[in-house]
Amino acid sequence: MSRVWGFSGFMSDGAEVSIWTVSAGEVGNMVFATRYDSYEAYGKCMDAVYADPAFQA
């Protein structure tokens, strides 16, 4: 899975994506966070992501 797919793949399936840089503790790491309107929206997004052949590669 490429980094570009990671961002756009989740976004195209309905997630609100944000990227954070860790500034305390494990400095230099990044956090990839996704938000959804509901658990139903989360389930639909994850089903679509896991079914995508580009994600499985």
N, C-alpha and C. Protein backbone atom coordinates (compact mmCIF):
# COMPACT_ATOMS: atom_id res chain seq x y z
N MET A 1 0.85 -1.18 0.00
CA MET A 1 0.00 0.00 0.00
C MET A 1 0.89 1.24 0.00
N SER A 2 0.65 2.13 -0.92
CA SER A 2 1.43 3.36 -0.95
C SER A 2 0.86 4.38 0.01
N ARG A 3 1.67 5.34 0.41
CA ARG A 3 1.18 6.40 1.30
C ARG A 3 0.07 7.19 0.64
N VAL A 4 0.21 7.46 -0.66
CA VAL A 4 -0.81 8.24 -1.37
C VAL A 4 -2.14 7.50 -1.35
N TRP A 5 -2.14 6.18 -1.59
CA TRP A 5 -3.40 5.44 -1.52
C TRP A 5 -3.98 5.53 -0.12
N GLY A 6 -3.16 5.45 0.89
CA GLY A 6 -3.65 5.50 2.26
C GLY A 6 -4.49 6.72 2.54
N PHE A 7 -4.02 7.86 2.11
CA PHE A 7 -4.77 9.10 2.34
C PHE A 7 -6.01 9.14 1.47
N SER A 8 -5.81 8.99 0.16
CA SER A 8 -6.93 9.14 -0.78
C SER A 8 -7.89 7.97 -0.70
N GLY A 9 -7.41 6.78 -0.39
CA GLY A 9 -8.28 5.62 -0.30
C GLY A 9 -9.32 5.75 0.79
N PHE A 10 -8.90 6.20 1.95
CA PHE A 10 -9.85 6.40 3.05
C PHE A 10 -10.76 7.58 2.78
N MET A 11 -10.21 8.66 2.22
CA MET A 11 -11.02 9.84 1.96
C MET A 11 -12.10 9.56 0.92
N SER A 12 -11.77 8.81 -0.11
CA SER A 12 -12.76 8.53 -1.15
C SER A 12 -13.87 7.62 -0.64
N ASP A 13 -13.61 6.90 0.45
CA ASP A 13 -14.63 6.02 1.02
C ASP A 13 -15.37 6.66 2.19
N GLY A 14 -15.22 7.98 2.37
CA GLY A 14 -16.04 8.69 3.33
C GLY A 14 -15.41 9.08 4.65
N ALA A 15 -14.13 8.87 4.82
CA ALA A 15 -13.48 9.22 6.09
C ALA A 15 -12.93 10.64 6.03
N GLU A 16 -12.92 11.29 7.18
CA GLU A 16 -12.23 12.57 7.33
C GLU A 16 -10.84 12.21 7.86
N VAL A 17 -9.81 12.51 7.08
CA VAL A 17 -8.45 12.08 7.41
C VAL A 17 -7.63 13.25 7.93
N SER A 18 -6.82 12.98 8.96
CA SER A 18 -5.88 13.98 9.44
C SER A 18 -4.54 13.31 9.75
N ILE A 19 -3.48 14.08 9.58
CA ILE A 19 -2.12 13.59 9.82
C ILE A 19 -1.51 14.48 10.90
N TRP A 20 -0.93 13.85 11.91
CA TRP A 20 -0.34 14.57 13.03
C TRP A 20 1.11 14.15 13.21
N THR A 21 1.94 15.09 13.59
CA THR A 21 3.32 14.80 13.95
C THR A 21 3.42 14.73 15.46
N VAL A 22 4.02 13.68 15.96
CA VAL A 22 4.17 13.51 17.41
C VAL A 22 5.26 14.47 17.90
N SER A 23 4.94 15.29 18.90
CA SER A 23 5.90 16.27 19.40
C SER A 23 6.35 15.98 20.84
N ALA A 24 5.85 14.91 21.42
CA ALA A 24 6.28 14.51 22.76
C ALA A 24 6.29 12.99 22.82
N GLY A 25 7.20 12.43 23.54
CA GLY A 25 7.28 10.97 23.63
C GLY A 25 8.07 10.40 22.47
N GLU A 26 7.41 9.93 21.48
CA GLU A 26 8.06 9.31 20.32
C GLU A 26 8.22 10.34 19.20
N VAL A 27 9.03 11.36 19.45
CA VAL A 27 9.23 12.46 18.52
C VAL A 27 9.70 11.92 17.17
N GLY A 28 9.14 12.46 16.11
CA GLY A 28 9.50 12.04 14.76
C GLY A 28 8.49 11.08 14.15
N ASN A 29 7.64 10.48 14.96
CA ASN A 29 6.60 9.59 14.44
C ASN A 29 5.41 10.41 13.98
N MET A 30 4.57 9.79 13.16
CA MET A 30 3.37 10.46 12.68
C MET A 30 2.15 9.60 13.00
N VAL A 31 1.02 10.25 13.15
CA VAL A 31 -0.24 9.58 13.42
C VAL A 31 -1.18 9.81 12.25
N PHE A 32 -1.76 8.75 11.74
CA PHE A 32 -2.75 8.79 10.67
C PHE A 32 -4.10 8.52 11.33
N ALA A 33 -4.97 9.53 11.39
CA ALA A 33 -6.25 9.39 12.08
C ALA A 33 -7.41 9.56 11.10
N THR A 34 -8.45 8.78 11.31
CA THR A 34 -9.66 8.90 10.48
C THR A 34 -10.86 9.10 11.39
N ARG A 35 -11.82 9.91 10.92
CA ARG A 35 -13.06 10.14 11.67
C ARG A 35 -14.25 9.85 10.77
N TYR A 36 -15.34 9.42 11.39
CA TYR A 36 -16.54 9.04 10.67
C TYR A 36 -17.76 9.66 11.35
N ASP A 37 -18.82 9.85 10.58
CA ASP A 37 -20.06 10.40 11.14
C ASP A 37 -20.75 9.42 12.08
N SER A 38 -20.56 8.12 11.85
CA SER A 38 -21.22 7.10 12.67
C SER A 38 -20.45 5.79 12.54
N TYR A 39 -20.82 4.82 13.37
CA TYR A 39 -20.21 3.49 13.25
C TYR A 39 -20.63 2.83 11.94
N GLU A 40 -21.81 3.15 11.46
CA GLU A 40 -22.25 2.61 10.17
C GLU A 40 -21.34 3.14 9.06
N ALA A 41 -21.03 4.42 9.08
CA ALA A 41 -20.13 5.01 8.08
C ALA A 41 -18.74 4.38 8.18
N TYR A 42 -18.29 4.13 9.41
CA TYR A 42 -17.00 3.45 9.62
C TYR A 42 -17.02 2.06 8.98
N GLY A 43 -18.07 1.30 9.22
CA GLY A 43 -18.18 -0.05 8.67
C GLY A 43 -18.19 -0.04 7.15
N LYS A 44 -18.93 0.87 6.56
CA LYS A 44 -18.97 0.96 5.09
C LYS A 44 -17.60 1.31 4.52
N CYS A 45 -16.92 2.24 5.18
CA CYS A 45 -15.59 2.63 4.71
C CYS A 45 -14.62 1.46 4.82
N MET A 46 -14.61 0.78 5.96
CA MET A 46 -13.67 -0.32 6.14
C MET A 46 -13.96 -1.48 5.19
N ASP A 47 -15.23 -1.76 4.94
CA ASP A 47 -15.57 -2.80 3.96
C ASP A 47 -15.00 -2.44 2.59
N ALA A 48 -15.16 -1.18 2.19
CA ALA A 48 -14.65 -0.73 0.89
C ALA A 48 -13.13 -0.77 0.84
N VAL A 49 -12.48 -0.35 1.92
CA VAL A 49 -11.02 -0.35 1.97
C VAL A 49 -10.48 -1.77 1.87
N TYR A 50 -11.01 -2.70 2.66
CA TYR A 50 -10.51 -4.07 2.66
C TYR A 50 -10.82 -4.80 1.36
N ALA A 51 -11.84 -4.37 0.63
CA ALA A 51 -12.19 -5.00 -0.65
C ALA A 51 -11.35 -4.45 -1.80
N ASP A 52 -10.64 -3.36 -1.59
CA ASP A 52 -9.87 -2.72 -2.64
C ASP A 52 -8.57 -3.50 -2.90
N PRO A 53 -8.35 -3.98 -4.13
CA PRO A 53 -7.14 -4.74 -4.43
C PRO A 53 -5.85 -3.93 -4.20
N ALA A 54 -5.90 -2.62 -4.37
CA ALA A 54 -4.72 -1.79 -4.14
C ALA A 54 -4.32 -1.79 -2.67
N PHE A 55 -5.28 -1.89 -1.77
CA PHE A 55 -4.99 -1.95 -0.34
C PHE A 55 -4.36 -3.29 0.02
N GLN A 56 -4.80 -4.35 -0.63
CA GLN A 56 -4.30 -5.69 -0.32
C GLN A 56 -2.89 -5.93 -0.86
N ALA A 57 -2.47 -5.09 -1.80
CA ALA A 57 -1.15 -5.29 -2.44
C ALA A 57 -0.01 -4.95 -1.53
